[in-house]
Full PDB file with SEQRES, HELIX, SHEET, SSBOND, CRYST1, ORIGX, SCALE, CONECT and MASTER records, all heavy atoms in Angstrom:
SEQRES   1 A   41  ARG LEU VAL GLU SER GLY GLY GLY LEU VAL GLN PRO GLY          
SEQRES   2 A   41  GLY SER LEU ARG LEU SER CYS ALA ALA SER GLY ASN PHE          
SEQRES   3 A   41  LEU ASN VAL TYR ARG MET GLY TRP PHE ARG GLN ALA PRO          
SEQRES   4 A   41  GLY ASP                                                      
SHEET    1 AA1 2 LEU A   2  SER A   5  0                                        
SHEET    2 AA1 2 SER A  19  ALA A  22 -1                                        
CRYST1    1.000    1.000    1.000  90.00  90.00  90.00 P 1           1          
ORIGX1      1.000000  0.000000  0.000000        0.00000                         
ORIGX2      0.000000  1.000000  0.000000        0.00000                         
ORIGX3      0.000000  0.000000  1.000000        0.00000                         
SCALE1      1.000000  0.000000  0.000000        0.00000                         
SCALE2      0.000000  1.000000  0.000000        0.00000                         
SCALE3      0.000000  0.000000  1.000000        0.00000                         
ATOM      1  N   ARG A   1      82.401 -81.161 203.935  1.00  0.00           N  
ATOM      2  CA  ARG A   1      82.397 -81.244 202.488  1.00  0.00           C  
ATOM      3  C   ARG A   1      83.418 -82.264 202.024  1.00  0.00           C  
ATOM      4  O   ARG A   1      84.552 -82.279 202.507  1.00  0.00           O  
ATOM      5  CB  ARG A   1      82.685 -79.879 201.874  1.00  0.00           C  
ATOM      6  CG  ARG A   1      82.671 -79.865 200.363  1.00  0.00           C  
ATOM      7  CD  ARG A   1      82.735 -78.443 199.846  1.00  0.00           C  
ATOM      8  NE  ARG A   1      83.948 -77.771 200.272  1.00  0.00           N  
ATOM      9  CZ  ARG A   1      84.202 -76.489 200.037  1.00  0.00           C  
ATOM     10  NH1 ARG A   1      83.317 -75.740 199.400  1.00  0.00           N  
ATOM     11  NH2 ARG A   1      85.333 -75.951 200.463  1.00  0.00           N  
ATOM     12  N   LEU A   2      83.013 -83.085 201.093  1.00  0.00           N  
ATOM     13  CA  LEU A   2      83.885 -84.071 200.487  1.00  0.00           C  
ATOM     14  C   LEU A   2      84.014 -83.756 199.009  1.00  0.00           C  
ATOM     15  O   LEU A   2      83.010 -83.606 198.311  1.00  0.00           O  
ATOM     16  CB  LEU A   2      83.329 -85.486 200.657  1.00  0.00           C  
ATOM     17  CG  LEU A   2      83.122 -85.973 202.093  1.00  0.00           C  
ATOM     18  CD1 LEU A   2      82.455 -87.341 202.088  1.00  0.00           C  
ATOM     19  CD2 LEU A   2      84.445 -86.032 202.834  1.00  0.00           C  
ATOM     20  N   VAL A   3      85.235 -83.661 198.548  1.00  0.00           N  
ATOM     21  CA  VAL A   3      85.498 -83.338 197.156  1.00  0.00           C  
ATOM     22  C   VAL A   3      86.318 -84.454 196.545  1.00  0.00           C  
ATOM     23  O   VAL A   3      87.458 -84.688 196.948  1.00  0.00           O  
ATOM     24  CB  VAL A   3      86.222 -81.989 197.013  1.00  0.00           C  
ATOM     25  CG1 VAL A   3      86.491 -81.690 195.542  1.00  0.00           C  
ATOM     26  CG2 VAL A   3      85.404 -80.875 197.636  1.00  0.00           C  
ATOM     27  N   GLU A   4      85.735 -85.129 195.567  1.00  0.00           N  
ATOM     28  CA  GLU A   4      86.420 -86.210 194.872  1.00  0.00           C  
ATOM     29  C   GLU A   4      87.110 -85.680 193.623  1.00  0.00           C  
ATOM     30  O   GLU A   4      86.661 -84.712 193.007  1.00  0.00           O  
ATOM     31  CB  GLU A   4      85.438 -87.314 194.455  1.00  0.00           C  
ATOM     32  CG  GLU A   4      84.641 -87.910 195.593  1.00  0.00           C  
ATOM     33  CD  GLU A   4      83.231 -87.373 195.645  1.00  0.00           C  
ATOM     34  OE1 GLU A   4      83.026 -86.202 195.265  1.00  0.00           O  
ATOM     35  OE2 GLU A   4      82.324 -88.118 196.066  1.00  0.00           O  
ATOM     36  N   SER A   5      88.172 -86.351 193.255  1.00  0.00           N  
ATOM     37  CA  SER A   5      88.873 -86.026 192.031  1.00  0.00           C  
ATOM     38  C   SER A   5      89.606 -87.264 191.545  1.00  0.00           C  
ATOM     39  O   SER A   5      89.765 -88.236 192.277  1.00  0.00           O  
ATOM     40  CB  SER A   5      89.847 -84.862 192.224  1.00  0.00           C  
ATOM     41  OG  SER A   5      90.858 -85.189 193.157  1.00  0.00           O  
ATOM     42  N   GLY A   6      90.069 -87.213 190.319  1.00  0.00           N  
ATOM     43  CA  GLY A   6      90.883 -88.283 189.778  1.00  0.00           C  
ATOM     44  C   GLY A   6      90.198 -89.179 188.774  1.00  0.00           C  
ATOM     45  O   GLY A   6      90.850 -90.027 188.161  1.00  0.00           O  
ATOM     46  N   GLY A   7      88.902 -89.019 188.606  1.00  0.00           N  
ATOM     47  CA  GLY A   7      88.218 -89.816 187.613  1.00  0.00           C  
ATOM     48  C   GLY A   7      88.632 -89.427 186.210  1.00  0.00           C  
ATOM     49  O   GLY A   7      89.221 -88.372 185.978  1.00  0.00           O  
ATOM     50  N   GLY A   8      88.333 -90.301 185.273  1.00  0.00           N  
ATOM     51  CA  GLY A   8      88.687 -90.023 183.903  1.00  0.00           C  
ATOM     52  C   GLY A   8      88.535 -91.243 183.029  1.00  0.00           C  
ATOM     53  O   GLY A   8      87.787 -92.173 183.350  1.00  0.00           O  
ATOM     54  N   LEU A   9      89.248 -91.223 181.930  1.00  0.00           N  
ATOM     55  CA  LEU A   9      89.205 -92.298 180.949  1.00  0.00           C  
ATOM     56  C   LEU A   9      90.434 -93.185 181.086  1.00  0.00           C  
ATOM     57  O   LEU A   9      91.553 -92.688 181.218  1.00  0.00           O  
ATOM     58  CB  LEU A   9      89.148 -91.725 179.534  1.00  0.00           C  
ATOM     59  CG  LEU A   9      87.980 -90.796 179.201  1.00  0.00           C  
ATOM     60  CD1 LEU A   9      88.160 -90.217 177.815  1.00  0.00           C  
ATOM     61  CD2 LEU A   9      86.655 -91.531 179.307  1.00  0.00           C  
ATOM     62  N   VAL A  10      90.215 -94.481 181.035  1.00  0.00           N  
ATOM     63  CA  VAL A  10      91.318 -95.425 181.120  1.00  0.00           C  
ATOM     64  C   VAL A  10      90.937 -96.685 180.348  1.00  0.00           C  
ATOM     65  O   VAL A  10      89.759 -97.051 180.285  1.00  0.00           O  
ATOM     66  CB  VAL A  10      91.666 -95.746 182.587  1.00  0.00           C  
ATOM     67  CG1 VAL A  10      90.498 -96.433 183.281  1.00  0.00           C  
ATOM     68  CG2 VAL A  10      92.934 -96.567 182.697  1.00  0.00           C  
ATOM     69  N   GLN A  11      91.915 -97.330 179.760  1.00  0.00           N  
ATOM     70  CA  GLN A  11      91.653 -98.560 179.039  1.00  0.00           C  
ATOM     71  C   GLN A  11      91.683 -99.750 179.992  1.00  0.00           C  
ATOM     72  O   GLN A  11      92.261 -99.674 181.078  1.00  0.00           O  
ATOM     73  CB  GLN A  11      92.672 -98.756 177.919  1.00  0.00           C  
ATOM     74  CG  GLN A  11      94.100 -98.962 178.388  1.00  0.00           C  
ATOM     75  CD  GLN A  11      95.056 -99.125 177.228  1.00  0.00           C  
ATOM     76  OE1 GLN A  11      94.705 -98.914 176.073  1.00  0.00           O  
ATOM     77  NE2 GLN A  11      96.285 -99.508 177.530  1.00  0.00           N  
ATOM     78  N   PRO A  12      91.050-100.856 179.621  1.00  0.00           N  
ATOM     79  CA  PRO A  12      91.117-102.043 180.475  1.00  0.00           C  
ATOM     80  C   PRO A  12      92.555-102.443 180.774  1.00  0.00           C  
ATOM     81  O   PRO A  12      93.412-102.418 179.900  1.00  0.00           O  
ATOM     82  CB  PRO A  12      90.404-103.112 179.645  1.00  0.00           C  
ATOM     83  CG  PRO A  12      89.467-102.341 178.775  1.00  0.00           C  
ATOM     84  CD  PRO A  12      90.210-101.068 178.441  1.00  0.00           C  
ATOM     85  N   GLY A  13      92.787-102.808 182.021  1.00  0.00           N  
ATOM     86  CA  GLY A  13      94.126-103.137 182.474  1.00  0.00           C  
ATOM     87  C   GLY A  13      94.909-101.955 182.979  1.00  0.00           C  
ATOM     88  O   GLY A  13      95.985-102.140 183.570  1.00  0.00           O  
ATOM     89  N   GLY A  14      94.400-100.771 182.769  1.00  0.00           N  
ATOM     90  CA  GLY A  14      95.079 -99.574 183.203  1.00  0.00           C  
ATOM     91  C   GLY A  14      94.853 -99.267 184.667  1.00  0.00           C  
ATOM     92  O   GLY A  14      94.176-100.006 185.386  1.00  0.00           O  
ATOM     93  N   SER A  15      95.414 -98.154 185.096  1.00  0.00           N  
ATOM     94  CA  SER A  15      95.359 -97.750 186.490  1.00  0.00           C  
ATOM     95  C   SER A  15      94.930 -96.302 186.605  1.00  0.00           C  
ATOM     96  O   SER A  15      95.148 -95.487 185.702  1.00  0.00           O  
ATOM     97  CB  SER A  15      96.725 -97.925 187.165  1.00  0.00           C  
ATOM     98  OG  SER A  15      97.137 -99.276 187.169  1.00  0.00           O  
ATOM     99  N   LEU A  16      94.344 -95.995 187.733  1.00  0.00           N  
ATOM    100  CA  LEU A  16      93.924 -94.641 188.034  1.00  0.00           C  
ATOM    101  C   LEU A  16      93.826 -94.500 189.541  1.00  0.00           C  
ATOM    102  O   LEU A  16      93.563 -95.486 190.247  1.00  0.00           O  
ATOM    103  CB  LEU A  16      92.573 -94.343 187.385  1.00  0.00           C  
ATOM    104  CG  LEU A  16      92.227 -92.883 187.087  1.00  0.00           C  
ATOM    105  CD1 LEU A  16      93.184 -92.320 186.035  1.00  0.00           C  
ATOM    106  CD2 LEU A  16      90.796 -92.770 186.593  1.00  0.00           C  
ATOM    107  N   ARG A  17      94.044 -93.299 190.025  1.00  0.00           N  
ATOM    108  CA  ARG A  17      93.929 -93.048 191.454  1.00  0.00           C  
ATOM    109  C   ARG A  17      92.906 -91.955 191.719  1.00  0.00           C  
ATOM    110  O   ARG A  17      93.002 -90.854 191.163  1.00  0.00           O  
ATOM    111  CB  ARG A  17      95.274 -92.650 192.072  1.00  0.00           C  
ATOM    112  CG  ARG A  17      95.228 -92.611 193.599  1.00  0.00           C  
ATOM    113  CD  ARG A  17      96.575 -92.324 194.230  1.00  0.00           C  
ATOM    114  NE  ARG A  17      96.939 -90.910 194.116  1.00  0.00           N  
ATOM    115  CZ  ARG A  17      97.845 -90.311 194.890  1.00  0.00           C  
ATOM    116  NH1 ARG A  17      98.484 -91.016 195.827  1.00  0.00           N  
ATOM    117  NH2 ARG A  17      98.131 -89.032 194.715  1.00  0.00           N  
ATOM    118  N   LEU A  18      91.959 -92.266 192.584  1.00  0.00           N  
ATOM    119  CA  LEU A  18      90.964 -91.309 193.012  1.00  0.00           C  
ATOM    120  C   LEU A  18      91.371 -90.692 194.342  1.00  0.00           C  
ATOM    121  O   LEU A  18      92.016 -91.336 195.169  1.00  0.00           O  
ATOM    122  CB  LEU A  18      89.595 -91.972 193.175  1.00  0.00           C  
ATOM    123  CG  LEU A  18      89.041 -92.748 191.982  1.00  0.00           C  
ATOM    124  CD1 LEU A  18      87.660 -93.294 192.326  1.00  0.00           C  
ATOM    125  CD2 LEU A  18      89.002 -91.881 190.734  1.00  0.00           C  
ATOM    126  N   SER A  19      90.969 -89.455 194.533  1.00  0.00           N  
ATOM    127  CA  SER A  19      91.234 -88.756 195.777  1.00  0.00           C  
ATOM    128  C   SER A  19      89.938 -88.191 196.327  1.00  0.00           C  
ATOM    129  O   SER A  19      89.029 -87.837 195.576  1.00  0.00           O  
ATOM    130  CB  SER A  19      92.235 -87.617 195.573  1.00  0.00           C  
ATOM    131  OG  SER A  19      93.475 -88.090 195.093  1.00  0.00           O  
ATOM    132  N   CYS A  20      89.866 -88.098 197.632  1.00  0.00           N  
ATOM    133  CA  CYS A  20      88.733 -87.484 198.298  1.00  0.00           C  
ATOM    134  C   CYS A  20      89.251 -86.696 199.480  1.00  0.00           C  
ATOM    135  O   CYS A  20      89.817 -87.274 200.415  1.00  0.00           O  
ATOM    136  CB  CYS A  20      87.726 -88.536 198.753  1.00  0.00           C  
ATOM    137  SG  CYS A  20      86.373 -87.863 199.748  1.00  0.00           S  
ATOM    138  N   ALA A  21      89.034 -85.408 199.449  1.00  0.00           N  
ATOM    139  CA  ALA A  21      89.482 -84.518 200.509  1.00  0.00           C  
ATOM    140  C   ALA A  21      88.293 -84.056 201.333  1.00  0.00           C  
ATOM    141  O   ALA A  21      87.299 -83.570 200.789  1.00  0.00           O  
ATOM    142  CB  ALA A  21      90.222 -83.322 199.925  1.00  0.00           C  
ATOM    143  N   ALA A  22      88.409 -84.205 202.636  1.00  0.00           N  
ATOM    144  CA  ALA A  22      87.364 -83.780 203.558  1.00  0.00           C  
ATOM    145  C   ALA A  22      87.744 -82.455 204.199  1.00  0.00           C  
ATOM    146  O   ALA A  22      88.892 -82.250 204.605  1.00  0.00           O  
ATOM    147  CB  ALA A  22      87.142 -84.832 204.638  1.00  0.00           C  
ATOM    148  N   SER A  23      86.775 -81.576 204.297  1.00  0.00           N  
ATOM    149  CA  SER A  23      86.994 -80.297 204.945  1.00  0.00           C  
ATOM    150  C   SER A  23      85.723 -79.881 205.662  1.00  0.00           C  
ATOM    151  O   SER A  23      84.645 -80.395 205.381  1.00  0.00           O  
ATOM    152  CB  SER A  23      87.417 -79.223 203.942  1.00  0.00           C  
ATOM    153  OG  SER A  23      86.403 -79.000 202.979  1.00  0.00           O  
ATOM    154  N   GLY A  24      85.867 -78.955 206.582  1.00  0.00           N  
ATOM    155  CA  GLY A  24      84.718 -78.452 207.304  1.00  0.00           C  
ATOM    156  C   GLY A  24      84.857 -78.635 208.795  1.00  0.00           C  
ATOM    157  O   GLY A  24      85.967 -78.752 209.327  1.00  0.00           O  
ATOM    158  N   ASN A  25      83.724 -78.673 209.453  1.00  0.00           N  
ATOM    159  CA  ASN A  25      83.673 -78.700 210.906  1.00  0.00           C  
ATOM    160  C   ASN A  25      83.458 -80.124 211.398  1.00  0.00           C  
ATOM    161  O   ASN A  25      82.327 -80.612 211.468  1.00  0.00           O  
ATOM    162  CB  ASN A  25      82.557 -77.782 211.413  1.00  0.00           C  
ATOM    163  CG  ASN A  25      82.538 -77.658 212.914  1.00  0.00           C  
ATOM    164  OD1 ASN A  25      83.535 -77.937 213.584  1.00  0.00           O  
ATOM    165  ND2 ASN A  25      81.399 -77.238 213.452  1.00  0.00           N  
ATOM    166  N   PHE A  26      84.548 -80.799 211.731  1.00  0.00           N  
ATOM    167  CA  PHE A  26      84.467 -82.119 212.333  1.00  0.00           C  
ATOM    168  C   PHE A  26      85.672 -82.325 213.233  1.00  0.00           C  
ATOM    169  O   PHE A  26      86.720 -81.695 213.055  1.00  0.00           O  
ATOM    170  CB  PHE A  26      84.369 -83.230 211.279  1.00  0.00           C  
ATOM    171  CG  PHE A  26      85.531 -83.287 210.335  1.00  0.00           C  
ATOM    172  CD1 PHE A  26      86.629 -84.086 210.616  1.00  0.00           C  
ATOM    173  CD2 PHE A  26      85.528 -82.559 209.161  1.00  0.00           C  
ATOM    174  CE1 PHE A  26      87.700 -84.157 209.749  1.00  0.00           C  
ATOM    175  CE2 PHE A  26      86.598 -82.613 208.281  1.00  0.00           C  
ATOM    176  CZ  PHE A  26      87.679 -83.409 208.580  1.00  0.00           C  
ATOM    177  N   LEU A  27      85.508 -83.231 214.190  1.00  0.00           N  
ATOM    178  CA  LEU A  27      86.558 -83.462 215.170  1.00  0.00           C  
ATOM    179  C   LEU A  27      87.489 -84.594 214.769  1.00  0.00           C  
ATOM    180  O   LEU A  27      88.702 -84.469 214.882  1.00  0.00           O  
ATOM    181  CB  LEU A  27      85.947 -83.751 216.545  1.00  0.00           C  
ATOM    182  CG  LEU A  27      85.094 -82.628 217.132  1.00  0.00           C  
ATOM    183  CD1 LEU A  27      84.527 -83.049 218.475  1.00  0.00           C  
ATOM    184  CD2 LEU A  27      85.911 -81.357 217.270  1.00  0.00           C  
ATOM    185  N   ASN A  28      86.924 -85.690 214.340  1.00  0.00           N  
ATOM    186  CA  ASN A  28      87.732 -86.800 213.888  1.00  0.00           C  
ATOM    187  C   ASN A  28      86.912 -87.661 212.943  1.00  0.00           C  
ATOM    188  O   ASN A  28      85.692 -87.564 212.886  1.00  0.00           O  
ATOM    189  CB  ASN A  28      88.272 -87.627 215.062  1.00  0.00           C  
ATOM    190  CG  ASN A  28      87.177 -88.290 215.858  1.00  0.00           C  
ATOM    191  OD1 ASN A  28      86.382 -87.632 216.523  1.00  0.00           O  
ATOM    192  ND2 ASN A  28      87.136 -89.625 215.792  1.00  0.00           N  
ATOM    193  N   VAL A  29      87.624 -88.512 212.241  1.00  0.00           N  
ATOM    194  CA  VAL A  29      87.017 -89.347 211.219  1.00  0.00           C  
ATOM    195  C   VAL A  29      86.965 -90.784 211.700  1.00  0.00           C  
ATOM    196  O   VAL A  29      87.997 -91.354 212.055  1.00  0.00           O  
ATOM    197  CB  VAL A  29      87.803 -89.250 209.897  1.00  0.00           C  
ATOM    198  CG1 VAL A  29      87.188 -90.158 208.843  1.00  0.00           C  
ATOM    199  CG2 VAL A  29      87.854 -87.809 209.411  1.00  0.00           C  
ATOM    200  N   TYR A  30      85.772 -91.353 211.702  1.00  0.00           N  
ATOM    201  CA  TYR A  30      85.620 -92.761 212.052  1.00  0.00           C  
ATOM    202  C   TYR A  30      85.881 -93.668 210.854  1.00  0.00           C  
ATOM    203  O   TYR A  30      86.466 -94.741 211.000  1.00  0.00           O  
ATOM    204  CB  TYR A  30      84.221 -93.035 212.592  1.00  0.00           C  
ATOM    205  CG  TYR A  30      83.924 -92.371 213.904  1.00  0.00           C  
ATOM    206  CD1 TYR A  30      82.892 -91.436 214.016  1.00  0.00           C  
ATOM    207  CD2 TYR A  30      84.651 -92.673 215.049  1.00  0.00           C  
ATOM    208  CE1 TYR A  30      82.611 -90.825 215.223  1.00  0.00           C  
ATOM    209  CE2 TYR A  30      84.368 -92.064 216.258  1.00  0.00           C  
ATOM    210  CZ  TYR A  30      83.345 -91.142 216.341  1.00  0.00           C  
ATOM    211  OH  TYR A  30      83.062 -90.538 217.547  1.00  0.00           O  
ATOM    212  N   ARG A  31      85.453 -93.223 209.710  1.00  0.00           N  
ATOM    213  CA  ARG A  31      85.560 -94.024 208.509  1.00  0.00           C  
ATOM    214  C   ARG A  31      85.515 -93.126 207.292  1.00  0.00           C  
ATOM    215  O   ARG A  31      84.775 -92.149 207.261  1.00  0.00           O  
ATOM    216  CB  ARG A  31      84.413 -95.045 208.420  1.00  0.00           C  
ATOM    217  CG  ARG A  31      84.406 -95.880 207.141  1.00  0.00           C  
ATOM    218  CD  ARG A  31      83.023 -96.476 206.880  1.00  0.00           C  
ATOM    219  NE  ARG A  31      82.026 -95.433 206.690  1.00  0.00           N  
ATOM    220  CZ  ARG A  31      81.808 -94.801 205.537  1.00  0.00           C  
ATOM    221  NH1 ARG A  31      82.522 -95.110 204.448  1.00  0.00           N  
ATOM    222  NH2 ARG A  31      80.882 -93.860 205.457  1.00  0.00           N  
ATOM    223  N   MET A  32      86.292 -93.464 206.307  1.00  0.00           N  
ATOM    224  CA  MET A  32      86.169 -92.869 204.987  1.00  0.00           C  
ATOM    225  C   MET A  32      86.258 -93.985 203.962  1.00  0.00           C  
ATOM    226  O   MET A  32      86.951 -94.977 204.175  1.00  0.00           O  
ATOM    227  CB  MET A  32      87.244 -91.821 204.711  1.00  0.00           C  
ATOM    228  CG  MET A  32      87.135 -90.571 205.557  1.00  0.00           C  
ATOM    229  SD  MET A  32      88.301 -89.277 205.058  1.00  0.00           S  
ATOM    230  CE  MET A  32      87.533 -88.724 203.527  1.00  0.00           C  
ATOM    231  N   GLY A  33      85.562 -93.808 202.877  1.00  0.00           N  
ATOM    232  CA  GLY A  33      85.604 -94.849 201.871  1.00  0.00           C  
ATOM    233  C   GLY A  33      84.894 -94.464 200.600  1.00  0.00           C  
ATOM    234  O   GLY A  33      84.507 -93.310 200.399  1.00  0.00           O  
ATOM    235  N   TRP A  34      84.745 -95.471 199.760  1.00  0.00           N  
ATOM    236  CA  TRP A  34      84.230 -95.273 198.420  1.00  0.00           C  
ATOM    237  C   TRP A  34      83.084 -96.203 198.124  1.00  0.00           C  
ATOM    238  O   TRP A  34      83.116 -97.387 198.475  1.00  0.00           O  
ATOM    239  CB  TRP A  34      85.327 -95.509 197.378  1.00  0.00           C  
ATOM    240  CG  TRP A  34      86.460 -94.539 197.465  1.00  0.00           C  
ATOM    241  CD1 TRP A  34      87.605 -94.672 198.190  1.00  0.00           C  
ATOM    242  CD2 TRP A  34      86.554 -93.283 196.797  1.00  0.00           C  
ATOM    243  NE1 TRP A  34      88.409 -93.585 198.012  1.00  0.00           N  
ATOM    244  CE2 TRP A  34      87.786 -92.708 197.160  1.00  0.00           C  
ATOM    245  CE3 TRP A  34      85.720 -92.590 195.925  1.00  0.00           C  
ATOM    246  CZ2 TRP A  34      88.207 -91.467 196.679  1.00  0.00           C  
ATOM    247  CZ3 TRP A  34      86.135 -91.356 195.456  1.00  0.00           C  
ATOM    248  CH2 TRP A  34      87.363 -90.808 195.828  1.00  0.00           C  
ATOM    249  N   PHE A  35      82.079 -95.651 197.490  1.00  0.00           N  
ATOM    250  CA  PHE A  35      81.002 -96.396 196.875  1.00  0.00           C  
ATOM    251  C   PHE A  35      81.017 -96.101 195.385  1.00  0.00           C  
ATOM    252  O   PHE A  35      81.617 -95.131 194.943  1.00  0.00           O  
ATOM    253  CB  PHE A  35      79.645 -95.999 197.459  1.00  0.00           C  
ATOM    254  CG  PHE A  35      79.437 -96.409 198.884  1.00  0.00           C  
ATOM    255  CD1 PHE A  35      80.008 -95.685 199.918  1.00  0.00           C  
ATOM    256  CD2 PHE A  35      78.647 -97.503 199.198  1.00  0.00           C  
ATOM    257  CE1 PHE A  35      79.809 -96.049 201.239  1.00  0.00           C  
ATOM    258  CE2 PHE A  35      78.439 -97.878 200.522  1.00  0.00           C  
ATOM    259  CZ  PHE A  35      79.025 -97.147 201.536  1.00  0.00           C  
ATOM    260  N   ARG A  36      80.341 -96.924 194.621  1.00  0.00           N  
ATOM    261  CA  ARG A  36      80.186 -96.643 193.207  1.00  0.00           C  
ATOM    262  C   ARG A  36      78.780 -97.011 192.768  1.00  0.00           C  
ATOM    263  O   ARG A  36      78.145 -97.896 193.330  1.00  0.00           O  
ATOM    264  CB  ARG A  36      81.221 -97.376 192.364  1.00  0.00           C  
ATOM    265  CG  ARG A  36      81.131 -98.891 192.392  1.00  0.00           C  
ATOM    266  CD  ARG A  36      82.321 -99.499 191.664  1.00  0.00           C  
ATOM    267  NE  ARG A  36      82.249-100.954 191.608  1.00  0.00           N  
ATOM    268  CZ  ARG A  36      83.208-101.724 191.129  1.00  0.00           C  
ATOM    269  NH1 ARG A  36      84.321-101.182 190.648  1.00  0.00           N  
ATOM    270  NH2 ARG A  36      83.057-103.048 191.117  1.00  0.00           N  
ATOM    271  N   GLN A  37      78.324 -96.313 191.748  1.00  0.00           N  
ATOM    272  CA  GLN A  37      76.975 -96.531 191.266  1.00  0.00           C  
ATOM    273  C   GLN A  37      76.893 -96.149 189.800  1.00  0.00           C  
ATOM    274  O   GLN A  37      77.181 -95.009 189.438  1.00  0.00           O  
ATOM    275  CB  GLN A  37      75.966 -95.723 192.080  1.00  0.00           C  
ATOM    276  CG  GLN A  37      74.521 -95.993 191.725  1.00  0.00           C  
ATOM    277  CD  GLN A  37      73.566 -95.268 192.641  1.00  0.00           C  
ATOM    278  OE1 GLN A  37      73.896 -94.228 193.206  1.00  0.00           O  
ATOM    279  NE2 GLN A  37      72.371 -95.822 192.818  1.00  0.00           N  
ATOM    280  N   ALA A  38      76.508 -97.107 188.986  1.00  0.00           N  
ATOM    281  CA  ALA A  38      76.235 -96.837 187.588  1.00  0.00           C  
ATOM    282  C   ALA A  38      74.773 -96.443 187.435  1.00  0.00           C  
ATOM    283  O   ALA A  38      73.926 -96.845 188.239  1.00  0.00           O  
ATOM    284  CB  ALA A  38      76.544 -98.067 186.742  1.00  0.00           C  
ATOM    285  N   PRO A  39      74.461 -95.656 186.423  1.00  0.00           N  
ATOM    286  CA  PRO A  39      73.059 -95.276 186.217  1.00  0.00           C  
ATOM    287  C   PRO A  39      72.155 -96.490 186.119  1.00  0.00           C  
ATOM    288  O   PRO A  39      72.420 -97.424 185.360  1.00  0.00           O  
ATOM    289  CB  PRO A  39      73.104 -94.497 184.901  1.00  0.00           C  
ATOM    290  CG  PRO A  39      74.494 -93.957 184.841  1.00  0.00           C  
ATOM    291  CD  PRO A  39      75.358 -95.029 185.459  1.00  0.00           C  
ATOM    292  N   GLY A  40      71.094 -96.488 186.909  1.00  0.00           N  
ATOM    293  CA  GLY A  40      70.144 -97.581 186.910  1.00  0.00           C  
ATOM    294  C   GLY A  40      70.488 -98.733 187.824  1.00  0.00           C  
ATOM    295  O   GLY A  40      69.675 -99.647 187.983  1.00  0.00           O  
ATOM    296  N   ASP A  41      71.668 -98.717 188.413  1.00  0.00           N  
ATOM    297  CA  ASP A  41      72.095 -99.785 189.302  1.00  0.00           C  
ATOM    298  C   ASP A  41      72.091 -99.304 190.744  1.00  0.00           C  
ATOM    299  O   ASP A  41      72.080 -98.107 191.029  1.00  0.00           O  
ATOM    300  CB  ASP A  41      73.492-100.284 188.937  1.00  0.00           C  
ATOM    301  CG  ASP A  41      73.526-101.016 187.613  1.00  0.00           C  
ATOM    302  OD1 ASP A  41      72.481-101.528 187.190  1.00  0.00           O  
ATOM    303  OD2 ASP A  41      74.617-101.076 187.003  1.00  0.00           O  
TER     304      ASP A  41                                                      
MASTER        0    0    0    0    2    0    0    6  303    1    0    4          
END                                                                             
C-alpha cells in the first residue's frame, strides 16, 4: 500500500512537500517515485 500526503493549495513560486509511505508485504524497494496527471491529460 502506498499512501500519499502533502498536497494542497499553493501560490506560484511557493513550495510544498509531498510524502509517500509504503507499507505491506515486500522485501526491498527497487524504485519509488512520482507521476502526475491532470484530468484529460
